[in-house]
Amino acid sequence: MTEELTTCDLTYPFSSGDLGETFKTAKNMEINCDQPIFSMLSGSGSKEMGGAATSPAAITANIGSGISSGECELCVEHESEMNWFCGTEQKLICSRCAVVGSCQGHTVTPLATRVTAVRNQLVDVCEKMQLQALRIEKFINQTLTAKEQKLQTAASKAREQVLAQVNAAREALEEEEQRLLEEIQREEERVEQCLLTQRAHWSQALASLSQTRSHLVHTLTHTQDAQLVTSVQDIAERVEEAEGVGEPCDTDQLNLNPGCSDSKLLRGLWSTAVLLGPKAYGSPYLKFDERTVSHLLSLSDDFCTLTFQKKARQSLPYDPARFDCWPNALGSLPLSSGTHNWVVDVGQSGAFKVGFCYASMERKGSGNEARLGHNAKSWVLSHYDGDYSFCHAGKKVPLQVVKRPQRIGLLLDWQSQMLLFYEPDSSAVLYSVTQQFSAPLLLACAVTDRSITILH
């Protein structure tokens, strides 16, 4: 019976799942990454394998000696050595169990073969663990160390770049500050000199006029009739002299030129700081005032989108605030203080205007007084047929726009009385104007192609 079992072809398809308990033990083993795996397995930590073998052949020899020298347990049912392994029930059995016992028909393997397979698998696992440990050690010692050095170099370079850029901006700003202060000082001295000259001239004229008047009054009140008649020539000369004094006239020469403080560099830095700085001004919630919307436009339900209509809306109630000829609409929030900015999505519209106007701007009729940008009460950026321009009081300033923007930003700083149009994606300034506003401003828009929307 035993000989027949020994020569039969009984195999067991081994899988890594069968080594669960064995692998748990392997995970708890302390691995020295500098020691070969065979040496580790055959060393003091694997006494049952015998000897200090350092090669696969030695490991195999130790496996064989370990199996042959060990005492096998006896089967309780057949009292035979349990030198077979049942793969189906995962237990040790004797040869009779596999033939006539409870494991008849199961997949069985000689214990020595099974032990060899388990040990070989364990060796493979330990080798993989050692290789993984070596890769981790190499990653720590080489990759992470190199990354740390690269990080320090990159961070140092970034700091130098930031300092260089800030220093360049600081130097340019300091030079611009000095230039502007000197320009303001020169302009102030010029105006002061004009004022002194005017004061001296008109003070002298006043004294001369007062003296002539006093003389004429004295002549009028103290001269006899006969003498008065004969003094007509003298009186005429004095009157002519008085008339020659002329009327005082206020001129721009007596005012500080606002252009003396104008700086493209400073304006660009200021607007960038306002738009992108840590204390960037937010936009208060703004929408279009439905009362002002022209019958040529339709207004969205959220009061933020204007859409041009080829066919005018009918049956709109009369409202003095509504534009009746031009396709205009005004914002709902009057502005007379602070700093504010908005973004208007103009999309693919080929004709639109965005800007500001006084609330007193005319709403009725087809004249320029009700047309945005064609009167002194409105300031707008206009786009028509591919051309961009700034319009105010009927005058157009052509703008050079490299890339057609789909959004237009508006910034109003009441303190500096500055109105600025910019491109939100790049924060590039399209146009800026400084104006002494005399009344609160309202957002003003017009569109004759597609639609535009106030974004929040």
Protein backbone atom coordinates (compact mmCIF):
# COMPACT_ATOMS: atom_id res chain seq x y z
CA MET A 1 0.00 0.00 0.00
CA THR A 2 2.76 2.43 0.94
CA GLU A 3 4.78 1.72 -2.19
CA GLU A 4 1.74 2.30 -4.37
CA LEU A 5 1.11 5.70 -2.81
CA THR A 6 4.75 6.66 -3.22
CA THR A 7 4.83 6.05 -6.95
CA CYS A 8 1.44 7.56 -7.82
CA ASP A 9 1.21 11.09 -9.33
CA LEU A 10 -0.34 13.02 -6.44
CA THR A 11 0.36 16.77 -6.62
CA TYR A 12 -1.00 19.85 -4.88
CA PRO A 13 -1.38 23.20 -6.64
CA PHE A 14 0.33 25.43 -4.12
CA SER A 15 -0.85 29.02 -3.69
CA SER A 16 0.44 31.90 -1.62
CA GLY A 17 -2.84 31.96 0.26
CA ASP A 18 -1.95 28.66 1.88
CA LEU A 19 0.94 30.31 3.66
CA GLY A 20 -1.07 32.81 5.64
CA GLU A 21 0.24 31.81 9.03
CA THR A 22 3.73 31.28 7.72
CA PHE A 23 3.81 34.75 6.11
CA LYS A 24 2.59 36.32 9.32
CA THR A 25 5.62 34.88 11.01
CA ALA A 26 7.82 36.17 8.18
CA LYS A 27 6.47 39.70 8.56
CA ASN A 28 7.53 39.68 12.22
CA MET A 29 11.10 38.71 11.37
CA GLU A 30 13.77 41.38 11.68
CA ILE A 31 15.57 41.70 8.35
CA ASN A 32 19.08 43.01 8.05
CA CYS A 33 19.22 44.59 4.60
CA ASP A 34 23.02 44.25 4.55
CA GLN A 35 22.87 40.45 5.11
CA PRO A 36 22.13 38.00 2.24
CA ILE A 37 18.75 36.37 2.52
CA PHE A 38 20.15 32.81 2.53
CA SER A 39 22.58 33.70 5.27
CA MET A 40 19.78 35.23 7.28
CA LEU A 41 17.53 32.20 6.90
CA SER A 42 20.31 29.75 7.78
CA GLY A 43 21.71 31.72 10.69
CA SER A 44 20.85 31.75 14.34
CA GLY A 45 17.31 32.85 13.54
CA SER A 46 16.53 29.52 11.74
CA LYS A 47 17.94 26.85 14.01
CA GLU A 48 15.62 24.14 12.73
CA MET A 49 17.25 24.36 9.32
CA GLY A 50 20.65 23.46 10.81
CA GLY A 51 24.09 24.88 10.02
CA ALA A 52 25.08 28.30 8.68
CA ALA A 53 24.56 27.58 5.01
CA THR A 54 24.92 30.56 2.66
CA SER A 55 23.64 29.08 -0.62
CA PRO A 56 20.41 27.64 -2.04
CA ALA A 57 22.02 24.19 -2.11
CA ALA A 58 22.80 24.42 1.58
CA ILE A 59 19.27 25.59 2.30
CA THR A 60 17.85 22.60 0.38
CA ALA A 61 20.15 20.18 2.23
CA ASN A 62 19.07 21.62 5.56
CA ILE A 63 15.42 21.31 4.56
CA GLY A 64 15.90 17.62 3.79
CA SER A 65 17.77 16.90 6.99
CA GLY A 66 15.17 18.75 8.98
CA ILE A 67 12.36 16.60 7.59
CA SER A 68 14.11 13.24 7.94
CA SER A 69 15.37 13.85 11.45
CA GLY A 70 12.04 15.11 12.84
CA GLU A 71 9.56 12.77 14.48
CA CYS A 72 6.19 12.52 12.76
CA GLU A 73 2.93 12.36 14.65
CA LEU A 74 0.80 9.22 14.50
CA CYS A 75 -2.65 9.10 12.99
CA VAL A 76 -5.22 8.52 15.72
CA GLU A 77 -7.43 6.47 13.42
CA HIS A 78 -4.80 4.26 11.73
CA GLU A 79 -1.84 4.63 14.10
CA SER A 80 0.42 5.36 11.13
CA GLU A 81 2.88 8.18 10.65
CA MET A 82 1.23 11.36 9.28
CA ASN A 83 3.74 11.96 6.51
CA TRP A 84 1.22 13.20 3.96
CA PHE A 85 -0.58 16.54 3.61
CA CYS A 86 -4.21 16.91 2.52
CA GLY A 87 -4.55 20.09 0.45
CA THR A 88 -8.33 19.88 0.43
CA GLU A 89 -8.70 19.97 4.23
CA GLN A 90 -5.34 21.59 4.93
CA LYS A 91 -4.14 19.01 7.49
CA LEU A 92 -1.58 16.24 8.04
CA ILE A 93 -2.73 12.68 7.31
CA CYS A 94 -1.30 9.20 7.04
CA SER A 95 -1.13 7.13 3.90
CA ARG A 96 -4.20 5.09 4.82
CA CYS A 97 -6.32 8.26 5.30
CA ALA A 98 -5.62 9.14 1.69
CA VAL A 99 -6.62 5.73 0.39
CA VAL A 100 -9.44 4.40 2.56
CA GLY A 101 -9.91 7.14 5.15
CA SER A 102 -11.65 10.47 5.37
CA CYS A 103 -9.36 12.08 2.76
CA GLN A 104 -10.01 9.53 0.06
CA GLY A 105 -10.20 11.33 -3.31
CA HIS A 106 -8.70 14.55 -1.95
CA THR A 107 -5.60 16.27 -3.30
CA VAL A 108 -2.71 14.97 -1.21
CA THR A 109 1.03 15.60 -1.28
CA PRO A 110 3.94 13.92 0.49
CA LEU A 111 4.88 15.92 3.56
CA ALA A 112 8.48 16.33 2.40
CA THR A 113 7.32 17.78 -0.92
CA ARG A 114 4.90 20.08 0.83
CA VAL A 115 7.52 21.27 3.31
CA THR A 116 9.99 21.90 0.51
CA ALA A 117 7.43 23.95 -1.40
CA VAL A 118 6.50 25.97 1.69
CA ARG A 119 10.12 26.66 2.55
CA ASN A 120 10.95 27.63 -1.02
CA GLN A 121 8.00 29.99 -1.10
CA LEU A 122 9.10 31.47 2.21
CA VAL A 123 12.60 31.98 0.82
CA ASP A 124 11.10 33.78 -2.21
CA VAL A 125 8.99 36.00 0.02
CA CYS A 126 11.95 36.88 2.22
CA GLU A 127 14.07 37.65 -0.84
CA LYS A 128 11.35 39.96 -2.16
CA MET A 129 11.13 41.66 1.22
CA GLN A 130 14.89 42.12 1.29
CA LEU A 131 14.87 43.61 -2.23
CA GLN A 132 12.02 45.92 -1.27
CA ALA A 133 13.92 46.97 1.84
CA LEU A 134 16.99 47.68 -0.28
CA ARG A 135 14.89 49.78 -2.67
CA ILE A 136 13.41 51.74 0.24
CA GLU A 137 16.85 52.29 1.73
CA LYS A 138 18.16 53.44 -1.64
CA PHE A 139 15.14 55.75 -2.04
CA ILE A 140 15.81 57.28 1.38
CA ASN A 141 19.56 57.60 0.99
CA GLN A 142 19.69 58.69 -2.62
CA THR A 143 16.39 59.99 -4.00
CA LEU A 144 15.13 61.80 -0.90
CA THR A 145 18.57 63.22 -0.14
CA ALA A 146 18.90 64.47 -3.71
CA LYS A 147 15.37 65.89 -3.53
CA GLU A 148 16.21 67.71 -0.32
CA GLN A 149 19.31 69.26 -1.87
CA LYS A 150 17.33 70.19 -4.98
CA LEU A 151 14.62 71.70 -2.79
CA GLN A 152 17.10 73.85 -0.93
CA THR A 153 18.65 75.03 -4.19
CA ALA A 154 15.24 75.80 -5.76
CA ALA A 155 13.99 77.58 -2.63
CA SER A 156 17.16 79.66 -2.46
CA LYS A 157 16.80 80.56 -6.14
CA ALA A 158 13.12 81.44 -5.65
CA ARG A 159 13.98 83.70 -2.71
CA GLU A 160 16.67 85.44 -4.74
CA GLN A 161 14.23 85.92 -7.61
CA VAL A 162 11.55 87.38 -5.34
CA LEU A 163 14.04 89.72 -3.67
CA ALA A 164 15.43 90.78 -7.04
CA GLN A 165 11.98 91.52 -8.44
CA VAL A 166 10.86 93.35 -5.30
CA ASN A 167 14.09 95.36 -5.21
CA ALA A 168 13.69 96.25 -8.88
CA ALA A 169 10.10 97.31 -8.30
CA ARG A 170 11.12 99.20 -5.16
CA GLU A 171 13.94 101.02 -6.94
CA ALA A 172 11.70 101.91 -9.87
CA LEU A 173 8.95 103.05 -7.50
CA GLU A 174 11.35 105.11 -5.40
CA GLU A 175 12.75 106.77 -8.52
CA GLU A 176 9.23 107.44 -9.78
CA GLU A 177 8.25 108.78 -6.38
CA GLN A 178 11.21 111.16 -6.39
CA ARG A 179 10.47 112.27 -9.95
CA LEU A 180 6.80 112.91 -9.21
CA LEU A 181 7.51 114.79 -5.98
CA GLU A 182 10.02 116.99 -7.80
CA GLU A 183 7.54 117.57 -10.62
CA ILE A 184 4.83 118.51 -8.12
CA GLN A 185 7.27 120.80 -6.33
CA ARG A 186 8.19 122.55 -9.58
CA GLU A 187 4.54 122.91 -10.52
CA GLU A 188 3.72 124.27 -7.08
CA GLU A 189 6.54 126.81 -7.32
CA ARG A 190 5.38 127.83 -10.79
CA VAL A 191 1.82 128.40 -9.63
CA GLU A 192 3.01 130.25 -6.53
CA GLN A 193 5.15 132.52 -8.73
CA CYS A 194 2.15 133.16 -10.98
CA LEU A 195 0.03 133.94 -7.95
CA LEU A 196 2.67 136.34 -6.60
CA THR A 197 2.94 138.06 -9.98
CA GLN A 198 -0.81 138.31 -10.31
CA ARG A 199 -1.13 139.53 -6.73
CA ALA A 200 1.49 142.22 -7.24
CA HIS A 201 -0.02 143.29 -10.58
CA TRP A 202 -3.58 143.50 -9.35
CA SER A 203 -2.57 145.05 -6.06
CA GLN A 204 -0.82 147.81 -8.02
CA ALA A 205 -3.83 148.07 -10.34
CA LEU A 206 -6.13 148.30 -7.32
CA ALA A 207 -4.02 151.02 -5.76
CA SER A 208 -3.92 152.96 -9.03
CA LEU A 209 -7.64 152.52 -9.54
CA SER A 210 -8.37 153.62 -5.99
CA GLN A 211 -6.15 156.67 -6.38
CA THR A 212 -7.77 157.65 -9.68
CA ARG A 213 -11.23 157.15 -8.25
CA SER A 214 -10.37 159.25 -5.23
CA HIS A 215 -9.05 162.01 -7.46
CA LEU A 216 -12.15 161.94 -9.64
CA VAL A 217 -14.44 161.95 -6.60
CA HIS A 218 -12.53 164.93 -5.21
CA THR A 219 -12.77 166.72 -8.54
CA LEU A 220 -16.47 165.99 -8.68
CA THR A 221 -17.19 167.27 -5.21
CA HIS A 222 -14.75 170.17 -4.79
CA THR A 223 -14.20 171.69 -8.24
CA GLN A 224 -16.13 174.75 -9.33
CA ASP A 225 -18.29 174.45 -12.39
CA ALA A 226 -16.13 176.68 -14.54
CA GLN A 227 -12.97 174.86 -13.54
CA LEU A 228 -14.68 171.46 -13.95
CA VAL A 229 -15.59 172.27 -17.53
CA THR A 230 -12.03 173.19 -18.34
CA SER A 231 -10.70 169.99 -16.69
CA VAL A 232 -12.51 167.63 -19.07
CA GLN A 233 -9.28 166.64 -20.79
CA ASP A 234 -7.60 165.72 -17.51
CA ILE A 235 -10.66 163.80 -16.40
CA ALA A 236 -10.78 161.88 -19.70
CA GLU A 237 -7.14 160.88 -19.36
CA ARG A 238 -7.69 159.60 -15.84
CA VAL A 239 -10.81 157.67 -16.91
CA GLU A 240 -8.90 156.15 -19.79
CA GLU A 241 -6.14 155.18 -17.39
CA ALA A 242 -8.67 153.50 -15.08
CA GLU A 243 -10.30 151.65 -17.93
CA GLY A 244 -6.89 150.40 -18.98
CA VAL A 245 -6.62 148.42 -15.76
CA GLY A 246 -8.95 145.81 -17.23
CA GLU A 247 -10.89 143.01 -15.57
CA PRO A 248 -9.18 140.28 -13.53
CA CYS A 249 -9.46 136.83 -15.11
CA ASP A 250 -8.88 133.42 -13.60
CA THR A 251 -6.78 131.15 -15.85
CA ASP A 252 -5.41 127.62 -15.79
CA GLN A 253 -2.01 129.12 -15.16
CA LEU A 254 -3.15 129.77 -11.61
CA ASN A 255 -4.04 126.10 -11.03
CA LEU A 256 -1.85 123.11 -10.29
CA ASN A 257 -1.59 120.97 -13.41
CA PRO A 258 -3.09 117.57 -12.41
CA GLY A 259 -0.82 115.92 -14.95
CA CYS A 260 2.20 116.60 -12.74
CA SER A 261 1.24 113.65 -10.53
CA ASP A 262 0.27 111.35 -13.38
CA SER A 263 2.43 108.25 -13.75
CA LYS A 264 1.78 105.23 -15.91
CA LEU A 265 4.06 103.15 -13.70
CA LEU A 266 2.40 104.23 -10.47
CA ARG A 267 -1.07 103.86 -11.92
CA GLY A 268 -0.27 100.34 -13.13
CA LEU A 269 1.19 99.29 -9.78
CA TRP A 270 -1.72 100.82 -7.90
CA SER A 271 -4.35 99.15 -10.05
CA THR A 272 -2.54 95.81 -9.80
CA ALA A 273 -2.40 96.12 -6.02
CA VAL A 274 -6.10 96.95 -5.90
CA LEU A 275 -7.07 94.08 -8.19
CA LEU A 276 -4.66 91.37 -7.03
CA GLY A 277 -3.32 92.45 -3.66
CA PRO A 278 -4.13 90.77 -0.31
CA LYS A 279 -6.63 93.55 0.42
CA ALA A 280 -8.21 93.55 -3.01
CA TYR A 281 -11.52 95.35 -3.06
CA GLY A 282 -14.55 93.19 -3.59
CA SER A 283 -17.53 94.13 -5.69
CA PRO A 284 -20.78 95.02 -3.98
CA TYR A 285 -23.75 93.19 -5.39
CA LEU A 286 -24.85 95.11 -8.45
CA LYS A 287 -27.64 94.59 -10.97
CA PHE A 288 -29.39 96.59 -13.66
CA ASP A 289 -32.23 98.89 -12.73
CA GLU A 290 -35.23 97.49 -14.60
CA ARG A 291 -36.79 100.96 -14.86
CA THR A 292 -33.90 102.21 -17.02
CA VAL A 293 -33.72 99.27 -19.49
CA SER A 294 -34.48 100.32 -23.05
CA HIS A 295 -37.34 98.66 -24.93
CA LEU A 296 -34.64 97.45 -27.35
CA LEU A 297 -33.20 95.21 -24.63
CA SER A 298 -34.48 92.32 -22.57
CA LEU A 299 -33.41 91.84 -18.94
CA SER A 300 -32.80 88.44 -17.36
CA ASP A 301 -34.67 87.27 -14.28
CA ASP A 302 -31.65 87.92 -12.07
CA PHE A 303 -31.37 91.49 -13.45
CA CYS A 304 -27.75 90.90 -14.54
CA THR A 305 -27.94 90.13 -18.29
CA LEU A 306 -28.91 92.48 -21.09
CA THR A 307 -29.83 90.96 -24.47
CA PHE A 308 -30.37 92.96 -27.63
CA GLN A 309 -33.67 92.44 -29.44
CA LYS A 310 -34.07 93.24 -33.10
CA LYS A 311 -37.75 93.70 -32.49
CA ALA A 312 -38.48 96.19 -29.74
CA ARG A 313 -40.57 95.15 -26.80
CA GLN A 314 -44.10 96.53 -26.84
CA SER A 315 -46.54 97.66 -24.18
CA LEU A 316 -43.90 98.88 -21.75
CA PRO A 317 -45.25 101.38 -19.25
CA TYR A 318 -43.91 104.91 -19.50
CA ASP A 319 -41.15 105.62 -17.05
CA PRO A 320 -39.11 108.83 -16.94
CA ALA A 321 -36.03 106.74 -16.04
CA ARG A 322 -36.24 104.52 -19.15
CA PHE A 323 -34.16 105.13 -22.28
CA ASP A 324 -36.64 105.32 -25.16
CA CYS A 325 -34.32 105.45 -28.19
CA TRP A 326 -30.81 104.19 -27.38
CA PRO A 327 -30.26 100.56 -26.20
CA ASN A 328 -28.99 101.63 -22.77
CA ALA A 329 -29.42 100.45 -19.18
CA LEU A 330 -28.06 101.75 -15.88
CA GLY A 331 -26.97 100.07 -12.69
CA SER A 332 -29.01 100.08 -9.51
CA LEU A 333 -26.28 101.30 -7.16
CA PRO A 334 -25.12 104.96 -7.13
CA LEU A 335 -21.47 105.38 -6.12
CA SER A 336 -20.00 108.41 -4.42
CA SER A 337 -17.26 106.99 -2.16
CA GLY A 338 -14.81 104.12 -1.75
CA THR A 339 -13.17 101.86 -4.29
CA HIS A 340 -15.21 99.39 -6.34
CA ASN A 341 -14.68 97.02 -9.22
CA TRP A 342 -16.87 94.80 -11.38
CA VAL A 343 -16.46 92.42 -14.26
CA VAL A 344 -18.83 92.44 -17.22
CA ASP A 345 -18.95 89.36 -19.44
CA VAL A 346 -19.22 90.65 -23.01
CA GLY A 347 -18.77 87.21 -24.61
CA GLN A 348 -18.82 87.35 -28.40
CA SER A 349 -20.80 90.58 -28.60
CA GLY A 350 -19.65 92.69 -31.52
CA ALA A 351 -21.16 95.96 -30.28
CA PHE A 352 -21.35 97.10 -26.67
CA LYS A 353 -20.47 99.92 -24.26
CA VAL A 354 -19.54 99.62 -20.58
CA GLY A 355 -18.76 102.48 -18.22
CA PHE A 356 -20.34 105.05 -15.92
CA CYS A 357 -22.60 108.07 -16.11
CA TYR A 358 -24.33 110.62 -13.91
CA ALA A 359 -27.89 109.87 -12.86
CA SER A 360 -28.84 113.20 -14.43
CA MET A 361 -28.00 111.97 -17.93
CA GLU A 362 -30.87 112.44 -20.38
CA ARG A 363 -33.03 109.36 -20.94
CA LYS A 364 -35.36 110.49 -23.72
CA GLY A 365 -34.80 111.23 -27.39
CA SER A 366 -32.24 110.21 -29.98
CA GLY A 367 -29.85 113.11 -29.38
CA ASN A 368 -26.31 112.81 -28.06
CA GLU A 369 -27.42 113.84 -24.57
CA ALA A 370 -28.98 110.37 -24.20
CA ARG A 371 -26.21 108.54 -26.05
CA LEU A 372 -23.47 106.98 -23.90
CA GLY A 373 -20.03 108.48 -24.51
CA HIS A 374 -21.36 111.36 -26.61
CA ASN A 375 -21.97 113.79 -23.76
CA ALA A 376 -20.13 115.22 -20.77
CA LYS A 377 -22.09 113.04 -18.34
CA SER A 378 -20.87 109.60 -19.44
CA TRP A 379 -17.55 107.73 -19.67
CA VAL A 380 -17.56 104.40 -21.53
CA LEU A 381 -15.34 101.84 -23.22
CA SER A 382 -16.86 101.09 -26.60
CA HIS A 383 -16.46 98.13 -28.93
CA TYR A 384 -17.88 98.17 -32.42
CA ASP A 385 -16.93 96.12 -35.46
CA GLY A 386 -13.61 95.03 -33.94
CA ASP A 387 -12.53 98.51 -32.84
CA TYR A 388 -12.13 99.51 -29.20
CA SER A 389 -12.19 103.11 -27.95
CA PHE A 390 -12.78 105.23 -24.89
CA CYS A 391 -15.61 107.71 -25.37
CA HIS A 392 -16.46 110.86 -23.41
CA ALA A 393 -18.12 114.11 -24.44
CA GLY A 394 -18.25 112.97 -28.06
CA LYS A 395 -14.50 112.38 -28.27
CA LYS A 396 -13.05 108.95 -29.02
CA VAL A 397 -9.64 107.68 -27.95
CA PRO A 398 -8.69 104.58 -30.00
CA LEU A 399 -7.42 101.66 -27.89
CA GLN A 400 -4.87 99.09 -28.96
CA VAL A 401 -6.26 95.71 -27.85
CA VAL A 402 -4.01 92.78 -28.79
CA LYS A 403 -6.43 90.00 -27.87
CA ARG A 404 -10.17 90.40 -27.90
CA PRO A 405 -11.30 90.10 -24.27
CA GLN A 406 -14.47 88.24 -23.40
CA ARG A 407 -14.66 90.05 -20.06
CA ILE A 408 -14.16 93.72 -19.26
CA GLY A 409 -13.27 94.89 -15.76
CA LEU A 410 -14.24 98.31 -14.38
CA LEU A 411 -12.57 99.91 -11.38
CA LEU A 412 -13.70 103.14 -9.76
CA ASP A 413 -11.67 104.83 -7.05
CA TRP A 414 -13.65 107.77 -5.78
CA GLN A 415 -10.91 109.22 -3.60
CA SER A 416 -8.48 109.62 -6.49
CA GLN A 417 -11.35 110.27 -8.92
CA MET A 418 -10.01 107.58 -11.21
CA LEU A 419 -11.92 105.34 -13.59
CA LEU A 420 -10.03 102.37 -14.99
CA PHE A 421 -10.90 99.69 -17.55
CA TYR A 422 -8.92 96.46 -17.45
CA GLU A 423 -8.75 92.92 -18.79
CA PRO A 424 -9.50 90.57 -15.84
CA ASP A 425 -7.51 87.53 -16.96
CA SER A 426 -4.21 89.41 -17.24
CA SER A 427 -5.09 92.51 -15.17
CA ALA A 428 -3.80 94.55 -18.11
CA VAL A 429 -5.03 98.14 -18.04
CA LEU A 430 -6.97 98.98 -21.20
CA TYR A 431 -7.56 102.63 -20.35
CA SER A 432 -7.72 104.92 -17.33
CA VAL A 433 -9.03 108.42 -16.83
CA THR A 434 -8.88 110.88 -13.95
CA GLN A 435 -11.91 113.12 -13.70
CA GLN A 436 -13.33 115.44 -11.07
CA PHE A 437 -16.72 113.84 -10.67
CA SER A 438 -19.36 116.25 -9.43
CA ALA A 439 -22.13 113.76 -8.65
CA PRO A 440 -22.63 110.04 -7.84
CA LEU A 441 -21.98 107.63 -10.69
CA LEU A 442 -24.06 104.75 -12.04
CA LEU A 443 -22.88 101.78 -14.04
CA ALA A 444 -23.93 102.39 -17.66
CA CYS A 445 -24.10 99.78 -20.42
CA ALA A 446 -25.37 99.45 -23.97
CA VAL A 447 -25.48 96.49 -26.36
CA THR A 448 -26.64 96.05 -29.95
CA ASP A 449 -25.31 92.53 -30.57
CA ARG A 450 -26.03 89.43 -28.48
CA SER A 451 -25.79 90.01 -24.72
CA ILE A 452 -23.62 91.18 -21.82
CA THR A 453 -23.73 90.11 -18.17
CA ILE A 454 -22.61 91.54 -14.84
CA LEU A 455 -20.54 88.87 -13.07
CA HIS A 456 -20.28 88.46 -9.30
